[in-house]
Amino acid sequence: MSVTHRQVVDGLLPSPVPVRFVAENGTAVEPPTGYSAPGDEQLLEAYRRMVLGRRFDRQATALTKQGRLAVYPSSRGQEACQIAGVLALRADDWLFPTYRDSVALIARGIDPVEALTLLRGDWHCGYDPVATRVAPQCTPLATQTLHAVGMAEALRRKGEDGVAMVFVGDGGTSEGDFHEALNYASVLRSPVVFFVQNNQYAISVPLARQTAAPALAYKGIGYGMRSEQVDGNDLVATLSVLTTAVRHARAGDGPFLVEAHTYRMDPHTNADDAGRYRDPEEVDRWESADPVARLETYLRDRGLLDADGVASAQEAAEEFAARVRDRMNADTEPGGRSGSVGRGKPDPYELFDHVFADPTPQLREQRASLAAELEG
C-alpha cells in the first residue's frame, strides 16, 4: 500500500497539546502513546543538576549586582529545558547554546568560571569548544542554528553518528536564519535537533505578537520536519521527548524540532525591567509551575527522594555556588586570561585585537582616539 500525503503529514505533526508526564502540582499523569519515562537514576541526577543550576543562576545574578559580571541573562524557570537538553546527548554530540544557557554549560561539565567569561565582557568564550563539543554561547539571534546544521552535516559526512542539538528562543524563530537552517537540515536530512525554549517573550515582545501559528512546533511542518511540543517545565516529559528526538536524528531519519513551553521568571537580563511589559499575576501563575518544585514533588511521591536527599542536593549546590563566588572574586593580573580564576582588570585595547589581521586605517584611528581619551 502506498503512503498517502495525509499519512506523511500526520507523521510530522506535533501532539495537539504539549506532551506531559507530571502535572503542575507534581502528580503523575498519563503520557501520550509513543513516549516512555526516563529511568529513576536519570531523574534523580536531573533533579540534583536542576537544584545546582538554580543556585548557580542565583549566584551569577548576585555577581552581576556586585559588578563581577557585565551582564547576566537568567534562566530561572527554564532549568528543566537546560538539564534535559544536556542529558539527552552523548559526550561526543555537539551542543549549540544561546546566551541564556549557562546552566546547560555547567551541566555539560564546563568550568563555571570559564562559562561566565563571555558575560564578563571578554573577547573569547572562555572554554575550548572542540574539547567540550559546545559551541560558543551565541548572542546574535538564531545564527547558531545554521552553525549547528553545518556541524551535523559534517558529522554525517565523516561517517560519525553524532548529533548536534541547537538551543534557540522563541524570538529566534522569527529570524530568517532559523528558517534557512530548518530548510537546509531537512533537505540534507542532517542529524540535528532544534530545541526551541519558548519562554513566552522575546525581551518585551509576547509570543502572540511574534507568530500566528498555533504553536512554534508547527514551524517544522512546512519544511518536512518531524516536530513535537512539550511542557518545558516538566523535566520528565522534556527529557523523554528530547531523547526521542536525538534517537530519531542519530538513526538517520533527519532533523527534529521540539518546542518546550516554559517561562523566564526573571527579567530578560539584569538591565531589563520586566514589570514594564508583563503582569505580576502572570509571573505568579508560572511560579506555581516551577520545574524544580514539580520534579521534587514527583520524586517524593514515588519514594525516590526524601528530606535527606533534598538537603544533600541543596548542600552540594551551596558549596558549588561558594566556590564559584570565591573564584570569581580572585582576580588575575590586568589583561590576564580568565580560566581557573577571575579575569581581573580588562585591557580596553583588547577591543581592537582579533578584528582584522592587518588593522584598517579606521581601526587605528579609533585606537588612537581611545588612547588619547584614556591618557587625558
Protein backbone atom coordinates (compact mmCIF):
# COMPACT_ATOMS: atom_id res chain seq x y z
CA MET A 1 0.00 0.00 0.00
CA SER A 2 1.43 3.37 -0.94
CA VAL A 3 1.93 6.05 1.69
CA THR A 4 -0.52 8.91 1.24
CA HIS A 5 0.19 12.60 1.58
CA ARG A 6 -2.05 12.63 4.65
CA GLN A 7 -0.01 9.90 6.31
CA VAL A 8 3.21 11.82 5.67
CA VAL A 9 1.77 14.98 7.22
CA ASP A 10 0.38 13.08 10.21
CA GLY A 11 3.84 11.63 10.84
CA LEU A 12 5.29 15.14 11.13
CA LEU A 13 2.61 16.80 13.24
CA PRO A 14 3.23 17.54 16.92
CA SER A 15 0.83 16.41 19.63
CA PRO A 16 -2.27 18.65 19.76
CA VAL A 17 -1.32 19.65 23.32
CA PRO A 18 2.15 19.72 24.88
CA VAL A 19 3.43 16.31 25.98
CA ARG A 20 3.23 15.99 29.77
CA PHE A 21 4.14 13.31 32.30
CA VAL A 22 3.83 15.37 35.50
CA ALA A 23 1.09 17.87 36.35
CA GLU A 24 1.89 21.29 37.77
CA ASN A 25 1.23 20.03 41.31
CA GLY A 26 3.78 17.24 40.87
CA THR A 27 1.37 14.34 40.40
CA ALA A 28 1.84 11.84 37.57
CA VAL A 29 -0.47 11.97 34.54
CA GLU A 30 -0.94 9.52 31.69
CA PRO A 31 1.60 10.40 28.95
CA PRO A 32 0.72 10.15 25.26
CA THR A 33 1.47 6.99 23.31
CA GLY A 34 4.98 6.74 21.95
CA TYR A 35 6.91 8.20 24.88
CA SER A 36 8.37 6.43 27.90
CA ALA A 37 9.61 7.90 31.17
CA PRO A 38 13.38 8.13 31.78
CA GLY A 39 14.93 5.80 34.35
CA ASP A 40 14.77 6.60 38.05
CA GLU A 41 18.51 7.20 38.42
CA GLN A 42 18.50 9.61 35.49
CA LEU A 43 15.60 11.53 37.05
CA LEU A 44 17.43 11.79 40.36
CA GLU A 45 20.54 13.03 38.56
CA ALA A 46 18.40 15.54 36.71
CA TYR A 47 16.94 16.79 39.99
CA ARG A 48 20.37 17.30 41.55
CA ARG A 49 21.55 19.18 38.47
CA MET A 50 18.44 21.35 38.43
CA VAL A 51 18.92 22.32 42.09
CA LEU A 52 22.57 23.12 41.43
CA GLY A 53 21.66 25.04 38.27
CA ARG A 54 19.06 27.13 40.10
CA ARG A 55 21.59 28.05 42.79
CA PHE A 56 24.27 28.83 40.20
CA ASP A 57 21.80 31.10 38.40
CA ARG A 58 21.08 33.00 41.63
CA GLN A 59 24.81 33.32 42.31
CA ALA A 60 25.53 34.65 38.82
CA THR A 61 22.75 37.21 39.22
CA ALA A 62 24.30 38.35 42.51
CA LEU A 63 27.74 38.61 40.88
CA THR A 64 26.24 40.92 38.28
CA LYS A 65 24.92 43.22 41.00
CA GLN A 66 28.40 43.23 42.54
CA GLY A 67 29.98 44.27 39.25
CA ARG A 68 31.73 40.93 38.71
CA LEU A 69 29.76 40.28 35.52
CA ALA A 70 28.93 42.79 32.80
CA VAL A 71 25.54 41.19 32.16
CA TYR A 72 23.71 38.00 33.05
CA PRO A 73 20.61 36.57 31.32
CA SER A 74 18.89 34.45 33.95
CA SER A 75 17.32 31.11 33.04
CA ARG A 76 15.38 30.72 36.30
CA GLY A 77 12.29 28.72 35.45
CA GLN A 78 13.90 27.03 32.46
CA GLU A 79 16.01 24.50 34.35
CA ALA A 80 14.06 21.51 33.06
CA CYS A 81 14.88 22.54 29.50
CA GLN A 82 18.54 23.24 30.24
CA ILE A 83 19.19 19.97 32.03
CA ALA A 84 17.05 17.74 29.80
CA GLY A 85 18.82 19.06 26.70
CA VAL A 86 22.22 18.07 28.08
CA LEU A 87 21.14 14.69 29.47
CA ALA A 88 19.64 13.68 26.12
CA LEU A 89 23.06 14.00 24.45
CA ARG A 90 26.14 11.78 24.44
CA ALA A 91 29.56 13.18 25.28
CA ASP A 92 30.53 13.11 21.59
CA ASP A 93 27.43 15.03 20.45
CA TRP A 94 27.53 18.78 19.91
CA LEU A 95 25.59 21.48 21.78
CA PHE A 96 24.95 24.93 20.30
CA PRO A 97 23.72 27.23 23.11
CA THR A 98 22.36 30.75 23.30
CA TYR A 99 23.48 33.45 25.72
CA ARG A 100 20.79 32.26 28.21
CA ASP A 101 22.08 28.70 28.52
CA SER A 102 24.85 28.96 31.12
CA VAL A 103 23.15 26.34 33.30
CA ALA A 104 23.30 23.89 30.38
CA LEU A 105 27.02 24.59 30.02
CA ILE A 106 27.58 23.80 33.69
CA ALA A 107 25.58 20.59 33.34
CA ARG A 108 27.73 19.69 30.34
CA GLY A 109 30.77 19.79 32.63
CA ILE A 110 32.25 23.14 31.61
CA ASP A 111 34.11 25.01 34.33
CA PRO A 112 31.66 27.61 35.72
CA VAL A 113 34.18 30.45 35.64
CA GLU A 114 35.01 29.63 32.04
CA ALA A 115 31.29 29.54 31.25
CA LEU A 116 30.93 33.07 32.66
CA THR A 117 33.92 34.51 30.83
CA LEU A 118 31.92 35.84 27.90
CA LEU A 119 29.48 37.53 30.29
CA ARG A 120 32.35 39.37 31.93
CA GLY A 121 32.90 41.24 28.70
CA ASP A 122 35.85 39.22 27.42
CA TRP A 123 36.51 38.69 23.72
CA HIS A 124 36.63 34.88 23.90
CA CYS A 125 34.11 32.35 25.17
CA GLY A 126 36.33 31.08 27.98
CA TYR A 127 36.23 27.35 27.20
CA ASP A 128 37.51 25.14 24.38
CA PRO A 129 34.59 24.39 22.01
CA VAL A 130 36.41 21.49 20.35
CA ALA A 131 37.35 19.75 23.60
CA THR A 132 33.90 20.24 25.16
CA ARG A 133 31.86 19.91 21.95
CA VAL A 134 29.97 23.01 22.99
CA ALA A 135 29.91 25.95 20.59
CA PRO A 136 30.41 29.47 22.00
CA GLN A 137 27.27 30.94 23.54
CA CYS A 138 25.54 32.85 20.79
CA THR A 139 24.22 36.39 21.29
CA PRO A 140 23.01 37.16 17.73
CA LEU A 141 19.59 35.56 17.44
CA ALA A 142 19.41 32.25 15.54
CA THR A 143 22.80 32.43 13.81
CA GLN A 144 23.83 29.33 15.77
CA THR A 145 21.06 27.31 14.10
CA LEU A 146 22.90 27.34 10.80
CA HIS A 147 26.18 26.56 12.55
CA ALA A 148 24.54 23.52 14.15
CA VAL A 149 23.28 22.23 10.82
CA GLY A 150 26.72 22.64 9.32
CA MET A 151 28.28 20.69 12.18
CA ALA A 152 25.63 17.96 11.99
CA GLU A 153 26.20 17.61 8.27
CA ALA A 154 29.97 17.44 8.82
CA LEU A 155 29.50 14.63 11.35
CA ARG A 156 27.28 12.74 8.93
CA ARG A 157 29.70 13.09 6.02
CA LYS A 158 32.58 11.89 8.19
CA GLY A 159 30.64 8.75 8.97
CA GLU A 160 30.17 9.57 12.64
CA ASP A 161 26.84 9.00 14.35
CA GLY A 162 26.99 12.21 16.37
CA VAL A 163 24.07 14.61 16.72
CA ALA A 164 24.00 18.39 17.04
CA MET A 165 21.40 19.97 19.32
CA VAL A 166 20.81 23.69 18.99
CA PHE A 167 19.01 25.79 21.59
CA VAL A 168 17.00 28.75 20.34
CA GLY A 169 14.46 31.05 21.97
CA ASP A 170 11.00 31.91 20.74
CA GLY A 171 12.29 35.25 19.47
CA GLY A 172 14.91 33.45 17.41
CA THR A 173 12.20 31.64 15.44
CA SER A 174 11.28 34.97 13.87
CA GLU A 175 14.73 35.30 12.33
CA GLY A 176 15.50 34.31 8.75
CA ASP A 177 18.50 32.24 9.84
CA PHE A 178 16.18 29.91 11.76
CA HIS A 179 14.05 29.15 8.71
CA GLU A 180 17.09 28.76 6.46
CA ALA A 181 18.50 26.27 8.96
CA LEU A 182 15.26 24.25 9.04
CA ASN A 183 15.16 24.09 5.26
CA TYR A 184 18.86 23.26 4.93
CA ALA A 185 18.66 20.50 7.56
CA SER A 186 15.52 18.94 6.10
CA VAL A 187 16.78 18.87 2.54
CA LEU A 188 20.04 17.24 3.62
CA ARG A 189 18.39 15.12 6.35
CA SER A 190 21.09 16.26 8.74
CA PRO A 191 21.22 14.79 12.28
CA VAL A 192 20.27 17.94 14.16
CA VAL A 193 17.69 18.64 16.87
CA PHE A 194 16.23 22.15 17.02
CA PHE A 195 15.21 22.80 20.63
CA VAL A 196 13.02 25.90 20.96
CA GLN A 197 12.73 27.15 24.53
CA ASN A 198 9.55 29.17 24.25
CA ASN A 199 9.73 31.32 27.38
CA GLN A 200 6.85 33.47 26.11
CA TYR A 201 8.79 36.70 25.48
CA ALA A 202 11.42 37.98 23.06
CA ILE A 203 12.69 40.57 25.54
CA SER A 204 9.41 42.53 25.86
CA VAL A 205 7.54 41.14 22.83
CA PRO A 206 4.98 38.46 23.80
CA LEU A 207 4.59 35.34 21.69
CA ALA A 208 1.21 36.43 20.31
CA ARG A 209 2.94 39.33 18.56
CA GLN A 210 5.66 37.13 17.11
CA THR A 211 3.62 34.48 15.32
CA ALA A 212 0.09 33.49 14.35
CA ALA A 213 0.96 29.77 14.37
CA PRO A 214 -0.96 27.60 16.86
CA ALA A 215 2.43 26.63 18.33
CA LEU A 216 6.03 27.11 17.31
CA ALA A 217 6.32 23.34 16.88
CA TYR A 218 4.27 23.69 13.71
CA LYS A 219 7.10 25.68 12.11
CA GLY A 220 8.79 22.42 11.16
CA ILE A 221 5.89 21.01 9.14
CA GLY A 222 6.42 23.26 6.14
CA TYR A 223 9.98 22.01 5.87
CA GLY A 224 9.06 18.32 6.10
CA MET A 225 10.50 18.00 9.58
CA ARG A 226 9.09 15.88 12.38
CA SER A 227 8.05 18.13 15.24
CA GLU A 228 6.77 17.97 18.81
CA GLN A 229 5.69 20.27 21.60
CA VAL A 230 6.26 19.55 25.28
CA ASP A 231 5.58 21.06 28.69
CA GLY A 232 9.02 22.58 29.23
CA ASN A 233 8.54 22.83 32.99
CA ASP A 234 8.06 19.06 33.19
CA LEU A 235 11.55 17.54 33.29
CA VAL A 236 10.25 14.01 32.83
CA ALA A 237 8.36 14.88 29.64
CA THR A 238 11.06 17.17 28.25
CA LEU A 239 13.79 14.56 28.71
CA SER A 240 11.58 11.86 27.19
CA VAL A 241 10.77 13.93 24.10
CA LEU A 242 14.34 15.13 23.58
CA THR A 243 15.69 11.59 23.96
CA THR A 244 13.26 10.51 21.26
CA ALA A 245 14.32 13.42 19.04
CA VAL A 246 18.03 12.65 19.44
CA ARG A 247 17.42 8.97 18.72
CA HIS A 248 15.47 9.93 15.58
CA ALA A 249 18.30 12.15 14.31
CA ARG A 250 21.03 9.65 15.19
CA ALA A 251 19.24 6.88 13.30
CA GLY A 252 19.48 8.87 10.07
CA ASP A 253 15.80 9.80 9.99
CA GLY A 254 16.51 13.50 9.58
CA PRO A 255 16.20 16.56 11.82
CA PHE A 256 13.66 17.03 14.60
CA LEU A 257 12.06 20.21 16.01
CA VAL A 258 10.98 20.35 19.66
CA GLU A 259 9.18 23.30 21.22
CA ALA A 260 9.22 23.47 25.03
CA HIS A 261 6.58 25.67 26.64
CA THR A 262 8.33 27.31 29.59
CA TYR A 263 8.74 30.73 31.21
CA ARG A 264 11.51 33.19 32.00
CA MET A 265 10.71 34.10 35.62
CA ASP A 266 13.32 36.85 35.87
CA PRO A 267 13.85 39.87 33.58
CA HIS A 268 15.48 39.41 30.18
CA THR A 269 18.81 40.46 31.74
CA ASN A 270 19.84 42.43 34.80
CA ALA A 271 19.42 45.58 32.64
CA ASP A 272 15.73 44.85 31.95
CA ASP A 273 12.61 45.92 33.85
CA ALA A 274 10.11 43.14 33.14
CA GLY A 275 7.44 44.99 35.13
CA ARG A 276 7.00 47.33 32.17
CA TYR A 277 5.54 44.67 29.91
CA ARG A 278 4.15 41.75 31.93
CA ASP A 279 1.63 41.41 34.73
CA PRO A 280 2.85 40.16 38.15
CA GLU A 281 -0.13 37.78 38.23
CA GLU A 282 1.24 36.11 35.10
CA VAL A 283 4.57 35.54 36.83
CA ASP A 284 2.78 34.14 39.88
CA ARG A 285 0.89 31.64 37.71
CA TRP A 286 4.11 30.35 36.21
CA GLU A 287 5.78 30.28 39.63
CA SER A 288 3.18 27.68 40.60
CA ALA A 289 4.52 25.51 37.75
CA ASP A 290 8.15 25.79 38.96
CA PRO A 291 10.08 22.92 37.31
CA VAL A 292 12.33 22.22 40.30
CA ALA A 293 9.48 22.02 42.81
CA ARG A 294 7.39 19.95 40.39
CA LEU A 295 10.10 17.31 39.92
CA GLU A 296 10.86 17.24 43.64
CA THR A 297 7.21 16.52 44.48
CA TYR A 298 7.02 13.85 41.78
CA LEU A 299 10.14 12.08 43.07
CA ARG A 300 8.97 12.29 46.69
CA ASP A 301 5.57 10.83 45.81
CA ARG A 302 7.28 7.89 44.11
CA GLY A 303 9.53 7.26 47.10
CA LEU A 304 12.68 8.09 45.15
CA LEU A 305 13.56 11.21 47.13
CA ASP A 306 13.33 12.09 50.82
CA ALA A 307 14.24 15.03 53.05
CA ASP A 308 17.87 13.86 53.30
CA GLY A 309 18.12 13.69 49.50
CA VAL A 310 16.72 17.20 49.16
CA ALA A 311 19.10 18.53 51.82
CA SER A 312 22.06 16.80 50.16
CA ALA A 313 21.26 18.36 46.78
CA GLN A 314 20.88 21.80 48.34
CA GLU A 315 24.11 21.47 50.31
CA ALA A 316 26.04 20.48 47.17
CA ALA A 317 24.53 23.44 45.34
CA GLU A 318 25.55 25.85 48.12
CA GLU A 319 29.11 24.53 48.10
CA PHE A 320 29.24 24.87 44.32
CA ALA A 321 27.98 28.46 44.47
CA ALA A 322 30.53 29.32 47.16
CA ARG A 323 33.38 28.01 45.02
CA VAL A 324 32.16 29.99 42.02
CA ARG A 325 31.86 33.14 44.14
CA ASP A 326 35.33 32.76 45.64
CA ARG A 327 36.98 32.10 42.29
CA MET A 328 35.19 34.98 40.59
CA ASN A 329 36.43 37.27 43.35
CA ALA A 330 40.05 36.16 42.84
CA ASP A 331 41.46 38.45 40.15
CA THR A 332 44.34 37.74 37.81
CA GLU A 333 46.83 40.32 36.60
CA PRO A 334 45.39 43.04 34.33
CA GLY A 335 44.77 41.63 30.90
CA GLY A 336 45.16 38.07 32.16
CA ARG A 337 43.11 35.34 30.52
CA SER A 338 40.22 34.05 32.61
CA GLY A 339 40.04 30.36 33.36
CA SER A 340 40.77 28.86 36.74
CA VAL A 341 40.36 32.27 38.40
CA GLY A 342 38.68 35.56 37.60
CA ARG A 343 39.67 37.75 34.72
CA GLY A 344 40.96 40.76 36.59
CA LYS A 345 41.02 44.30 35.24
CA PRO A 346 40.24 44.22 31.49
CA ASP A 347 42.58 45.78 28.98
CA PRO A 348 40.50 48.28 26.95
CA TYR A 349 42.83 47.91 23.96
CA GLU A 350 41.64 44.32 23.55
CA LEU A 351 38.69 45.89 21.73
CA PHE A 352 40.93 46.17 18.70
CA ASP A 353 42.59 42.76 18.86
CA HIS A 354 41.49 39.98 16.51
CA VAL A 355 39.24 42.24 14.42
CA PHE A 356 41.46 42.23 11.33
CA ALA A 357 44.80 40.54 10.75
CA ASP A 358 46.03 43.91 9.48
CA PRO A 359 44.25 46.78 11.27
CA THR A 360 42.40 49.11 8.93
CA PRO A 361 43.02 52.88 8.97
CA GLN A 362 39.65 53.35 10.71
CA LEU A 363 40.58 50.83 13.41
CA ARG A 364 43.94 52.51 14.01
CA GLU A 365 42.19 55.87 14.23
CA GLN A 366 39.71 54.53 16.77
CA ARG A 367 42.51 53.02 18.85
CA ALA A 368 44.39 56.32 18.84
CA SER A 369 41.21 58.13 19.87
CA LEU A 370 40.74 55.75 22.79
CA ALA A 371 44.37 56.17 23.83
CA ALA A 372 44.01 59.96 23.84
CA GLU A 373 40.87 59.72 25.96
CA LEU A 374 42.46 57.35 28.46
CA GLU A 375 45.63 59.43 28.72
CA GLY A 376 43.59 62.59 29.11
